[in-house]
Amino acid sequence: MRRTPIVLSATAFGTAAILGFHAHQAAVPVAAATKAAAAAGSSGSSGSSSASTTSSSSGTKTALGDAMSTRYGPAQVRVTVSYGKIVKVEAVQLQNGDPKSAAISAYAEPILQQSVLSKQTAAVDTVSGATYTSVSYEGSLQSGLDKLGFKAANGSVASTDMSQLQ
């Protein structure tokens, strides 16, 4: 009998906490990423797609990496290199076939982006819980860097072999 008020209070508190929970929105809008990939001419289903490379007189070059397919969807990255440094990395398309994949990609993308910019290589650590996103992001990034002729200062190279994820 003495535990009844405690149990009822805990139940009420737990129910209120669950009903008050609001999930965060994805950092990379799924619709925007899909539209950007469609505009870029990506098929999204093949291991590689046509990529464009642009350069300017200021020594800045941009390339679209190959789309890397996984069972959760493709990933494709655009990279900008200026005077031998990676200055910008943006995900054109990430895994978003279901809400969980979209949430994982939204979580991992800024971590991967920051790691690439700080280490100046595509060979960065895999984000825990986002193996498919990490490996396909690195593979697409490496293919874009290869198109630009970029070599990491430490000589590291990320794998573009996605067979381990199929």
N, C-alpha and C. Protein backbone atom coordinates (compact mmCIF):
# COMPACT_ATOMS: atom_id res chain seq x y z
N MET A 1 0.81 -1.20 0.00
CA MET A 1 0.00 0.00 0.00
C MET A 1 0.85 1.27 0.00
N ARG A 2 2.02 1.21 0.60
CA ARG A 2 2.85 2.40 0.69
C ARG A 2 3.48 2.75 -0.66
N ARG A 3 3.58 1.76 -1.55
CA ARG A 3 4.21 2.01 -2.84
C ARG A 3 3.23 2.55 -3.88
N THR A 4 1.96 2.49 -3.65
CA THR A 4 0.96 2.91 -4.63
C THR A 4 1.17 4.35 -5.08
N PRO A 5 1.33 5.33 -4.19
CA PRO A 5 1.53 6.71 -4.66
C PRO A 5 2.80 6.88 -5.50
N ILE A 6 3.84 6.14 -5.13
CA ILE A 6 5.10 6.24 -5.88
C ILE A 6 4.92 5.67 -7.28
N VAL A 7 4.29 4.51 -7.40
CA VAL A 7 4.08 3.87 -8.69
C VAL A 7 3.18 4.73 -9.57
N LEU A 8 2.12 5.27 -9.00
CA LEU A 8 1.21 6.12 -9.79
C LEU A 8 1.92 7.40 -10.25
N SER A 9 2.71 7.99 -9.39
CA SER A 9 3.44 9.20 -9.76
C SER A 9 4.46 8.91 -10.86
N ALA A 10 5.17 7.83 -10.73
CA ALA A 10 6.17 7.47 -11.74
C ALA A 10 5.49 7.17 -13.08
N THR A 11 4.36 6.50 -13.05
CA THR A 11 3.63 6.21 -14.28
C THR A 11 3.15 7.49 -14.95
N ALA A 12 2.61 8.41 -14.18
CA ALA A 12 2.14 9.68 -14.72
C ALA A 12 3.31 10.48 -15.30
N PHE A 13 4.42 10.51 -14.60
CA PHE A 13 5.59 11.24 -15.07
C PHE A 13 6.13 10.63 -16.37
N GLY A 14 6.21 9.31 -16.41
CA GLY A 14 6.71 8.63 -17.61
C GLY A 14 5.81 8.85 -18.81
N THR A 15 4.51 8.80 -18.60
CA THR A 15 3.56 9.04 -19.69
C THR A 15 3.68 10.47 -20.20
N ALA A 16 3.80 11.43 -19.30
CA ALA A 16 3.95 12.83 -19.70
C ALA A 16 5.25 13.05 -20.47
N ALA A 17 6.31 12.39 -20.06
CA ALA A 17 7.59 12.52 -20.76
C ALA A 17 7.51 11.96 -22.17
N ILE A 18 6.86 10.82 -22.33
CA ILE A 18 6.73 10.21 -23.65
C ILE A 18 5.85 11.06 -24.56
N LEU A 19 4.75 11.57 -24.05
CA LEU A 19 3.86 12.39 -24.86
C LEU A 19 4.49 13.75 -25.21
N GLY A 20 5.39 14.21 -24.40
CA GLY A 20 6.04 15.50 -24.65
C GLY A 20 7.27 15.41 -25.52
N PHE A 21 7.67 14.21 -25.95
CA PHE A 21 8.88 14.03 -26.76
C PHE A 21 8.64 14.50 -28.18
N HIS A 22 9.56 15.29 -28.73
CA HIS A 22 9.51 15.75 -30.12
C HIS A 22 10.84 15.43 -30.78
N ALA A 23 10.79 14.68 -31.87
CA ALA A 23 12.02 14.32 -32.59
C ALA A 23 12.56 15.53 -33.33
N HIS A 24 13.89 15.55 -33.51
CA HIS A 24 14.53 16.63 -34.26
C HIS A 24 14.31 16.43 -35.74
N GLN A 25 14.30 17.54 -36.49
CA GLN A 25 14.22 17.44 -37.94
C GLN A 25 15.58 17.04 -38.48
N ALA A 26 15.58 16.42 -39.63
CA ALA A 26 16.82 16.00 -40.27
C ALA A 26 17.65 17.23 -40.64
N ALA A 27 18.99 17.13 -40.45
CA ALA A 27 19.88 18.23 -40.79
C ALA A 27 19.98 18.41 -42.30
N VAL A 28 19.89 17.31 -43.05
CA VAL A 28 19.90 17.37 -44.50
C VAL A 28 18.49 17.05 -44.95
N PRO A 29 17.74 18.03 -45.44
CA PRO A 29 16.38 17.76 -45.87
C PRO A 29 16.36 16.69 -46.96
N VAL A 30 15.56 15.67 -46.74
CA VAL A 30 15.50 14.53 -47.64
C VAL A 30 15.03 14.97 -49.03
N ALA A 31 13.98 15.76 -49.11
CA ALA A 31 13.46 16.19 -50.41
C ALA A 31 14.48 17.05 -51.14
N ALA A 32 15.16 17.92 -50.44
CA ALA A 32 16.15 18.79 -51.08
C ALA A 32 17.32 17.98 -51.62
N ALA A 33 17.76 16.98 -50.87
CA ALA A 33 18.88 16.15 -51.33
C ALA A 33 18.47 15.35 -52.56
N THR A 34 17.25 14.85 -52.59
CA THR A 34 16.78 14.09 -53.73
C THR A 34 16.63 14.98 -54.95
N LYS A 35 16.08 16.19 -54.79
CA LYS A 35 15.93 17.12 -55.89
C LYS A 35 17.29 17.55 -56.44
N ALA A 36 18.24 17.79 -55.55
CA ALA A 36 19.58 18.21 -55.98
C ALA A 36 20.24 17.10 -56.78
N ALA A 37 20.05 15.86 -56.37
CA ALA A 37 20.64 14.73 -57.09
C ALA A 37 19.98 14.58 -58.46
N ALA A 38 18.67 14.78 -58.52
CA ALA A 38 17.98 14.69 -59.80
C ALA A 38 18.44 15.81 -60.73
N ALA A 39 18.62 16.99 -60.19
CA ALA A 39 19.08 18.13 -61.00
C ALA A 39 20.50 17.91 -61.50
N ALA A 40 21.30 17.20 -60.73
CA ALA A 40 22.68 16.94 -61.12
C ALA A 40 22.77 15.81 -62.13
N GLY A 41 21.64 15.15 -62.41
CA GLY A 41 21.64 14.08 -63.40
C GLY A 41 22.06 12.75 -62.84
N SER A 42 21.97 12.58 -61.53
CA SER A 42 22.37 11.32 -60.91
C SER A 42 21.27 10.30 -61.08
N SER A 43 21.65 9.09 -61.48
CA SER A 43 20.67 8.02 -61.59
C SER A 43 20.35 7.43 -60.24
N GLY A 44 21.31 7.48 -59.29
CA GLY A 44 21.09 7.02 -57.93
C GLY A 44 21.12 5.53 -57.76
N SER A 45 21.13 4.73 -58.84
CA SER A 45 21.09 3.29 -58.67
C SER A 45 22.39 2.62 -59.05
N SER A 46 23.26 3.30 -59.72
CA SER A 46 24.51 2.67 -60.14
C SER A 46 25.64 3.03 -59.21
N GLY A 47 26.71 2.27 -59.29
CA GLY A 47 27.88 2.51 -58.47
C GLY A 47 28.63 3.74 -58.91
N SER A 48 28.43 4.17 -60.15
CA SER A 48 29.06 5.38 -60.60
C SER A 48 28.12 6.11 -61.53
N SER A 49 28.25 7.40 -61.60
CA SER A 49 27.44 8.20 -62.49
C SER A 49 28.31 9.28 -63.09
N SER A 50 27.77 9.97 -64.06
CA SER A 50 28.55 11.03 -64.68
C SER A 50 28.79 12.13 -63.65
N ALA A 51 29.95 12.69 -63.70
CA ALA A 51 30.29 13.74 -62.74
C ALA A 51 30.87 14.91 -63.50
N SER A 52 30.60 16.08 -62.97
CA SER A 52 31.13 17.27 -63.61
C SER A 52 32.26 17.83 -62.78
N THR A 53 33.20 18.42 -63.46
CA THR A 53 34.31 19.07 -62.80
C THR A 53 34.37 20.50 -63.32
N THR A 54 34.40 21.45 -62.42
CA THR A 54 34.51 22.84 -62.83
C THR A 54 35.72 23.46 -62.17
N SER A 55 36.29 24.43 -62.83
CA SER A 55 37.41 25.13 -62.24
C SER A 55 37.30 26.60 -62.58
N SER A 56 37.98 27.41 -61.81
CA SER A 56 37.99 28.85 -62.06
C SER A 56 39.43 29.32 -62.12
N SER A 57 39.60 30.55 -62.51
CA SER A 57 40.95 31.10 -62.64
C SER A 57 41.60 31.32 -61.27
N SER A 58 40.82 31.22 -60.21
CA SER A 58 41.37 31.45 -58.87
C SER A 58 42.00 30.20 -58.26
N GLY A 59 42.07 29.10 -59.03
CA GLY A 59 42.67 27.88 -58.49
C GLY A 59 41.69 27.02 -57.74
N THR A 60 40.41 27.32 -57.83
CA THR A 60 39.38 26.56 -57.15
C THR A 60 38.73 25.61 -58.14
N LYS A 61 38.65 24.32 -57.76
CA LYS A 61 38.04 23.31 -58.61
C LYS A 61 36.99 22.56 -57.80
N THR A 62 35.90 22.18 -58.48
CA THR A 62 34.81 21.44 -57.86
C THR A 62 34.53 20.19 -58.67
N ALA A 63 34.26 19.09 -58.00
CA ALA A 63 33.91 17.84 -58.69
C ALA A 63 32.79 17.13 -57.95
N LEU A 64 31.96 16.45 -58.71
CA LEU A 64 30.88 15.63 -58.17
C LEU A 64 31.37 14.20 -58.16
N GLY A 65 31.43 13.61 -56.98
CA GLY A 65 31.88 12.23 -56.85
C GLY A 65 30.85 11.26 -57.40
N ASP A 66 31.29 10.05 -57.65
CA ASP A 66 30.39 9.00 -58.12
C ASP A 66 29.38 8.67 -57.03
N ALA A 67 28.16 8.30 -57.44
CA ALA A 67 27.15 7.84 -56.49
C ALA A 67 27.54 6.44 -56.03
N MET A 68 27.61 6.25 -54.72
CA MET A 68 27.97 4.96 -54.15
C MET A 68 26.71 4.30 -53.58
N SER A 69 26.32 3.19 -54.18
CA SER A 69 25.09 2.53 -53.78
C SER A 69 25.30 1.58 -52.61
N THR A 70 24.35 1.59 -51.70
CA THR A 70 24.30 0.64 -50.59
C THR A 70 22.88 0.10 -50.52
N ARG A 71 22.64 -0.86 -49.66
CA ARG A 71 21.29 -1.39 -49.55
C ARG A 71 20.31 -0.38 -48.96
N TYR A 72 20.81 0.69 -48.35
CA TYR A 72 19.95 1.72 -47.78
C TYR A 72 19.79 2.92 -48.71
N GLY A 73 20.42 2.86 -49.88
CA GLY A 73 20.33 3.95 -50.84
C GLY A 73 21.71 4.47 -51.19
N PRO A 74 21.77 5.35 -52.18
CA PRO A 74 23.06 5.87 -52.63
C PRO A 74 23.52 7.09 -51.82
N ALA A 75 24.81 7.34 -51.91
CA ALA A 75 25.39 8.56 -51.34
C ALA A 75 26.24 9.19 -52.43
N GLN A 76 26.18 10.52 -52.52
CA GLN A 76 26.96 11.24 -53.50
C GLN A 76 27.40 12.56 -52.90
N VAL A 77 28.65 12.92 -53.14
CA VAL A 77 29.25 14.08 -52.51
C VAL A 77 29.88 14.99 -53.57
N ARG A 78 29.76 16.30 -53.36
CA ARG A 78 30.44 17.30 -54.19
C ARG A 78 31.55 17.91 -53.35
N VAL A 79 32.75 18.02 -53.93
CA VAL A 79 33.90 18.52 -53.19
C VAL A 79 34.52 19.69 -53.93
N THR A 80 34.97 20.68 -53.16
CA THR A 80 35.65 21.84 -53.72
C THR A 80 37.05 21.92 -53.14
N VAL A 81 38.04 22.03 -54.01
CA VAL A 81 39.44 22.14 -53.62
C VAL A 81 39.97 23.48 -54.11
N SER A 82 40.64 24.20 -53.25
CA SER A 82 41.22 25.49 -53.61
C SER A 82 42.68 25.51 -53.19
N TYR A 83 43.57 25.70 -54.16
CA TYR A 83 45.00 25.77 -53.91
C TYR A 83 45.51 24.60 -53.08
N GLY A 84 45.07 23.39 -53.43
CA GLY A 84 45.56 22.19 -52.78
C GLY A 84 44.94 21.88 -51.42
N LYS A 85 43.84 22.55 -51.07
CA LYS A 85 43.15 22.28 -49.79
C LYS A 85 41.68 22.01 -50.06
N ILE A 86 41.13 21.05 -49.33
CA ILE A 86 39.70 20.79 -49.40
C ILE A 86 39.02 21.91 -48.63
N VAL A 87 38.20 22.71 -49.30
CA VAL A 87 37.57 23.85 -48.63
C VAL A 87 36.07 23.67 -48.44
N LYS A 88 35.47 22.74 -49.22
CA LYS A 88 34.03 22.56 -49.08
C LYS A 88 33.66 21.13 -49.47
N VAL A 89 32.81 20.52 -48.67
CA VAL A 89 32.28 19.20 -48.95
C VAL A 89 30.79 19.26 -48.69
N GLU A 90 30.00 18.89 -49.68
CA GLU A 90 28.56 18.90 -49.47
C GLU A 90 27.94 17.61 -49.99
N ALA A 91 27.04 17.07 -49.21
CA ALA A 91 26.34 15.85 -49.60
C ALA A 91 25.23 16.23 -50.57
N VAL A 92 25.32 15.71 -51.78
CA VAL A 92 24.27 15.93 -52.77
C VAL A 92 23.13 14.97 -52.51
N GLN A 93 23.49 13.75 -52.10
CA GLN A 93 22.50 12.73 -51.83
C GLN A 93 23.05 11.80 -50.76
N LEU A 94 22.21 11.47 -49.78
CA LEU A 94 22.58 10.50 -48.75
C LEU A 94 21.47 9.48 -48.61
N GLN A 95 21.74 8.39 -47.92
CA GLN A 95 20.76 7.33 -47.72
C GLN A 95 19.52 7.93 -47.06
N ASN A 96 18.36 7.73 -47.68
CA ASN A 96 17.13 8.28 -47.13
C ASN A 96 15.91 7.45 -47.51
N GLY A 97 16.12 6.16 -47.75
CA GLY A 97 15.02 5.30 -48.17
C GLY A 97 13.95 5.10 -47.11
N ASP A 98 14.29 5.31 -45.87
CA ASP A 98 13.33 5.18 -44.78
C ASP A 98 13.70 6.22 -43.71
N PRO A 99 12.81 6.51 -42.79
CA PRO A 99 13.08 7.55 -41.79
C PRO A 99 14.33 7.28 -40.94
N LYS A 100 14.59 6.02 -40.62
CA LYS A 100 15.77 5.71 -39.81
C LYS A 100 17.05 6.00 -40.58
N SER A 101 17.11 5.61 -41.86
CA SER A 101 18.28 5.89 -42.68
C SER A 101 18.49 7.40 -42.83
N ALA A 102 17.40 8.13 -43.03
CA ALA A 102 17.50 9.58 -43.16
C ALA A 102 18.03 10.21 -41.87
N ALA A 103 17.57 9.71 -40.73
CA ALA A 103 18.03 10.25 -39.45
C ALA A 103 19.52 9.94 -39.22
N ILE A 104 19.92 8.73 -39.56
CA ILE A 104 21.33 8.35 -39.40
C ILE A 104 22.21 9.21 -40.30
N SER A 105 21.79 9.39 -41.55
CA SER A 105 22.56 10.22 -42.48
C SER A 105 22.64 11.66 -42.01
N ALA A 106 21.52 12.18 -41.51
CA ALA A 106 21.50 13.56 -41.02
C ALA A 106 22.43 13.74 -39.82
N TYR A 107 22.54 12.71 -38.99
CA TYR A 107 23.44 12.75 -37.84
C TYR A 107 24.90 12.66 -38.27
N ALA A 108 25.19 11.75 -39.21
CA ALA A 108 26.58 11.47 -39.58
C ALA A 108 27.19 12.52 -40.50
N GLU A 109 26.39 13.13 -41.38
CA GLU A 109 26.92 14.02 -42.41
C GLU A 109 27.75 15.18 -41.85
N PRO A 110 27.28 15.94 -40.85
CA PRO A 110 28.12 17.03 -40.35
C PRO A 110 29.40 16.55 -39.66
N ILE A 111 29.36 15.38 -39.06
CA ILE A 111 30.55 14.82 -38.42
C ILE A 111 31.58 14.45 -39.48
N LEU A 112 31.12 13.78 -40.54
CA LEU A 112 32.01 13.40 -41.63
C LEU A 112 32.58 14.64 -42.32
N GLN A 113 31.73 15.62 -42.57
CA GLN A 113 32.16 16.85 -43.24
C GLN A 113 33.26 17.54 -42.43
N GLN A 114 33.05 17.70 -41.15
CA GLN A 114 34.04 18.37 -40.30
C GLN A 114 35.34 17.57 -40.24
N SER A 115 35.24 16.27 -40.19
CA SER A 115 36.42 15.43 -40.13
C SER A 115 37.24 15.55 -41.43
N VAL A 116 36.56 15.55 -42.56
CA VAL A 116 37.24 15.69 -43.85
C VAL A 116 37.95 17.04 -43.94
N LEU A 117 37.26 18.11 -43.54
CA LEU A 117 37.86 19.45 -43.62
C LEU A 117 39.04 19.60 -42.68
N SER A 118 38.99 18.98 -41.51
CA SER A 118 40.10 19.12 -40.57
C SER A 118 41.28 18.21 -40.93
N LYS A 119 41.01 17.00 -41.44
CA LYS A 119 42.09 16.06 -41.77
C LYS A 119 42.60 16.19 -43.21
N GLN A 120 41.83 16.87 -44.06
CA GLN A 120 42.21 17.09 -45.46
C GLN A 120 42.43 15.79 -46.23
N THR A 121 41.56 14.83 -45.99
CA THR A 121 41.59 13.54 -46.69
C THR A 121 40.20 12.93 -46.66
N ALA A 122 39.94 12.01 -47.58
CA ALA A 122 38.67 11.28 -47.58
C ALA A 122 38.73 10.09 -46.63
N ALA A 123 39.92 9.69 -46.23
CA ALA A 123 40.11 8.55 -45.34
C ALA A 123 39.95 9.00 -43.89
N VAL A 124 38.71 9.12 -43.45
CA VAL A 124 38.42 9.56 -42.09
C VAL A 124 37.77 8.42 -41.31
N ASP A 125 37.64 8.60 -40.01
CA ASP A 125 37.05 7.57 -39.17
C ASP A 125 35.57 7.40 -39.48
N THR A 126 35.10 6.16 -39.38
CA THR A 126 33.69 5.85 -39.57
C THR A 126 32.91 6.34 -38.37
N VAL A 127 31.75 6.95 -38.62
CA VAL A 127 30.89 7.43 -37.55
C VAL A 127 30.18 6.22 -36.95
N SER A 128 30.26 6.07 -35.65
CA SER A 128 29.63 4.95 -34.96
C SER A 128 28.13 4.94 -35.22
N GLY A 129 27.62 3.79 -35.64
CA GLY A 129 26.20 3.65 -35.92
C GLY A 129 25.81 4.08 -37.32
N ALA A 130 26.77 4.55 -38.11
CA ALA A 130 26.49 5.02 -39.47
C ALA A 130 27.53 4.46 -40.45
N THR A 131 27.77 3.19 -40.38
CA THR A 131 28.81 2.57 -41.20
C THR A 131 28.53 2.72 -42.69
N TYR A 132 27.32 2.39 -43.13
CA TYR A 132 26.99 2.48 -44.55
C TYR A 132 27.11 3.93 -45.05
N THR A 133 26.58 4.85 -44.29
CA THR A 133 26.68 6.27 -44.67
C THR A 133 28.13 6.70 -44.72
N SER A 134 28.92 6.35 -43.72
CA SER A 134 30.32 6.77 -43.65
C SER A 134 31.14 6.22 -44.81
N VAL A 135 31.03 4.92 -45.07
CA VAL A 135 31.84 4.29 -46.10
C VAL A 135 31.45 4.79 -47.49
N SER A 136 30.14 4.93 -47.75
CA SER A 136 29.72 5.41 -49.06
C SER A 136 30.04 6.90 -49.25
N TYR A 137 29.95 7.69 -48.20
CA TYR A 137 30.33 9.11 -48.24
C TYR A 137 31.81 9.24 -48.57
N GLU A 138 32.63 8.47 -47.88
CA GLU A 138 34.08 8.50 -48.12
C GLU A 138 34.41 8.04 -49.54
N GLY A 139 33.73 7.01 -50.02
CA GLY A 139 33.97 6.51 -51.37
C GLY A 139 33.62 7.53 -52.44
N SER A 140 32.47 8.18 -52.29
CA SER A 140 32.07 9.21 -53.24
C SER A 140 33.02 10.40 -53.18
N LEU A 141 33.40 10.78 -51.98
CA LEU A 141 34.35 11.89 -51.82
C LEU A 141 35.69 11.55 -52.47
N GLN A 142 36.18 10.33 -52.26
CA GLN A 142 37.46 9.95 -52.85
C GLN A 142 37.40 9.97 -54.37
N SER A 143 36.27 9.53 -54.95
CA SER A 143 36.16 9.56 -56.41
C SER A 143 36.16 11.00 -56.92
N GLY A 144 35.54 11.92 -56.19
CA GLY A 144 35.58 13.33 -56.56
C GLY A 144 36.98 13.90 -56.45
N LEU A 145 37.69 13.55 -55.38
CA LEU A 145 39.08 14.01 -55.21
C LEU A 145 39.98 13.45 -56.30
N ASP A 146 39.75 12.19 -56.70
CA ASP A 146 40.53 11.58 -57.78
C ASP A 146 40.32 12.34 -59.09
N LYS A 147 39.08 12.74 -59.34
CA LYS A 147 38.78 13.50 -60.56
C LYS A 147 39.49 14.85 -60.58
N LEU A 148 39.72 15.40 -59.40
CA LEU A 148 40.42 16.68 -59.30
C LEU A 148 41.93 16.52 -59.24
N GLY A 149 42.39 15.28 -59.10
CA GLY A 149 43.83 15.03 -58.98
C GLY A 149 44.37 15.42 -57.62
N PHE A 150 43.51 15.45 -56.60
CA PHE A 150 43.92 15.83 -55.25
C PHE A 150 44.56 14.65 -54.54
N LYS A 151 45.68 14.89 -53.91
CA LYS A 151 46.35 13.88 -53.09
C LYS A 151 46.48 14.42 -51.68
N ALA A 152 46.09 13.61 -50.70
CA ALA A 152 46.21 14.02 -49.29
C ALA A 152 47.68 14.17 -48.93
N ALA A 153 47.98 15.11 -48.07
CA ALA A 153 49.36 15.37 -47.66
C ALA A 153 50.00 14.14 -47.03
N ASN A 154 49.21 13.36 -46.29
CA ASN A 154 49.76 12.16 -45.65
C ASN A 154 49.67 10.92 -46.54
N GLY A 155 49.16 11.08 -47.75
CA GLY A 155 49.08 9.97 -48.70
C GLY A 155 47.92 9.03 -48.49
N SER A 156 47.04 9.32 -47.54
CA SER A 156 45.92 8.42 -47.26
C SER A 156 44.87 8.51 -48.36
N VAL A 157 44.23 7.37 -48.61
CA VAL A 157 43.20 7.27 -49.64
C VAL A 157 42.06 6.44 -49.08
N ALA A 158 40.81 6.88 -49.30
CA ALA A 158 39.65 6.12 -48.88
C ALA A 158 39.29 5.11 -49.96
N SER A 159 38.74 4.00 -49.56
CA SER A 159 38.33 2.96 -50.51
C SER A 159 37.08 3.39 -51.25
N THR A 160 37.01 3.05 -52.52
CA THR A 160 35.80 3.29 -53.31
C THR A 160 35.10 1.96 -53.63
N ASP A 161 35.54 0.88 -52.98
CA ASP A 161 34.95 -0.44 -53.17
C ASP A 161 33.76 -0.61 -52.23
N MET A 162 32.57 -0.65 -52.79
CA MET A 162 31.35 -0.76 -51.99
C MET A 162 30.84 -2.19 -51.87
N SER A 163 31.59 -3.16 -52.42
CA SER A 163 31.14 -4.56 -52.39
C SER A 163 30.99 -5.08 -50.96
N GLN A 164 31.77 -4.54 -50.04
CA GLN A 164 31.67 -4.98 -48.64
C GLN A 164 30.35 -4.57 -47.99
N LEU A 165 29.63 -3.63 -48.59
CA LEU A 165 28.38 -3.15 -48.01
C LEU A 165 27.14 -3.75 -48.66
N GLN A 166 27.29 -4.50 -49.71
CA GLN A 166 26.12 -5.02 -50.44
C GLN A 166 25.48 -6.15 -49.73
